[in-house]
Protein backbone atom coordinates (compact mmCIF):
# COMPACT_ATOMS: atom_id res chain seq x y z
CA MET A 1 -0.11 0.04 0.12
CA GLU A 2 1.27 3.46 -0.82
CA GLN A 3 1.49 6.12 1.73
CA PRO A 4 0.70 9.90 1.10
CA THR A 5 3.76 11.72 0.91
CA GLY A 6 2.14 15.18 1.05
CA GLU A 7 2.54 15.79 -2.64
CA GLY A 8 -0.49 15.65 -4.78
CA PRO A 9 -4.20 16.57 -4.10
CA TYR A 10 -4.98 15.29 -0.41
CA PRO A 11 -4.30 18.49 1.61
CA SER A 12 -5.86 20.82 -0.85
CA SER A 13 -9.01 18.80 -2.14
CA PRO A 14 -12.24 19.11 -0.24
CA LEU A 15 -13.67 16.45 1.70
CA ILE A 16 -16.63 14.76 0.18
CA ILE A 17 -17.44 12.03 3.21
CA ARG A 18 -15.64 10.42 5.58
CA VAL A 19 -16.40 6.58 6.34
CA GLU A 20 -15.59 4.71 9.66
CA PHE A 21 -15.41 1.08 9.31
CA THR A 22 -15.01 -1.57 12.37
CA ILE A 23 -13.09 -4.60 11.96
CA GLU A 24 -16.28 -6.73 11.59
CA MET A 25 -17.43 -4.59 8.79
CA LEU A 26 -14.11 -4.85 6.75
CA ARG A 27 -14.51 -8.78 7.08
CA ASN A 28 -18.08 -8.56 6.20
CA LEU A 29 -16.63 -6.50 3.10
CA LEU A 30 -13.94 -9.05 2.32
CA VAL A 31 -16.31 -12.20 2.39
CA VAL A 32 -18.54 -10.61 -0.05
CA PHE A 33 -15.80 -9.42 -1.91
CA GLU A 34 -14.10 -12.72 -2.31
CA ALA A 35 -17.54 -14.58 -2.96
CA THR A 36 -18.83 -11.99 -5.57
CA SER A 37 -15.82 -10.46 -7.24
CA ASP A 38 -14.14 -11.86 -10.30
CA GLY A 39 -11.08 -9.67 -9.54
CA GLY A 40 -12.73 -6.34 -10.43
CA SER A 41 -14.27 -3.92 -8.09
CA LEU A 42 -17.61 -3.59 -5.77
CA ASP A 43 -19.87 -0.74 -5.55
CA ILE A 44 -20.30 0.68 -1.95
CA GLU A 45 -23.45 2.68 -1.14
CA LEU A 46 -23.60 4.92 2.13
CA ARG A 47 -27.28 5.14 2.97
CA GLU A 48 -29.18 6.40 6.15
CA SER A 49 -29.75 2.68 6.90
CA GLY A 50 -26.20 1.75 6.78
CA ILE A 51 -23.27 0.51 4.64
CA TRP A 52 -24.23 -1.66 1.71
CA VAL A 53 -22.02 -3.34 -0.95
CA LEU A 54 -23.85 -3.98 -4.47
CA THR A 55 -22.94 -7.35 -5.89
CA PRO A 56 -22.16 -7.61 -9.57
CA GLU A 57 -25.78 -8.56 -10.11
CA GLY A 58 -26.99 -5.45 -8.09
CA HIS A 59 -28.22 -7.28 -5.16
CA PRO A 60 -27.39 -4.96 -2.06
CA LEU A 61 -25.77 -6.78 0.89
CA PHE A 62 -25.58 -5.11 4.32
CA ILE A 63 -21.84 -4.45 5.63
CA GLY A 64 -22.88 -2.61 8.84
CA PRO A 65 -24.42 0.48 10.39
CA MET A 66 -23.82 4.20 9.87
CA THR A 67 -22.58 6.10 13.15
CA GLN A 68 -22.05 9.37 13.89
CA SER A 69 -18.54 10.17 13.24
CA ARG A 70 -16.12 11.98 15.34
CA SER A 71 -15.03 15.48 14.83
CA TYR A 72 -11.49 16.32 13.52
CA ASP A 73 -11.82 19.98 13.63
CA ALA A 74 -9.33 21.88 15.40
């Protein structure tokens, strides 16, 4: 995995959304990815009802709940 170096768009680009995952949510996502992906990518949806992943056939699978994220403002 590449680490940001301070160069490029990260510091100056506007934040669109921040997502907080638990280890259990990442495990759920990995299980779905291994079971449904052919090495490509999966779409993730952030909804009021939670975080969902869409299978290649378009079926939504629940990954975990959305929670209020902590503030990072100074």
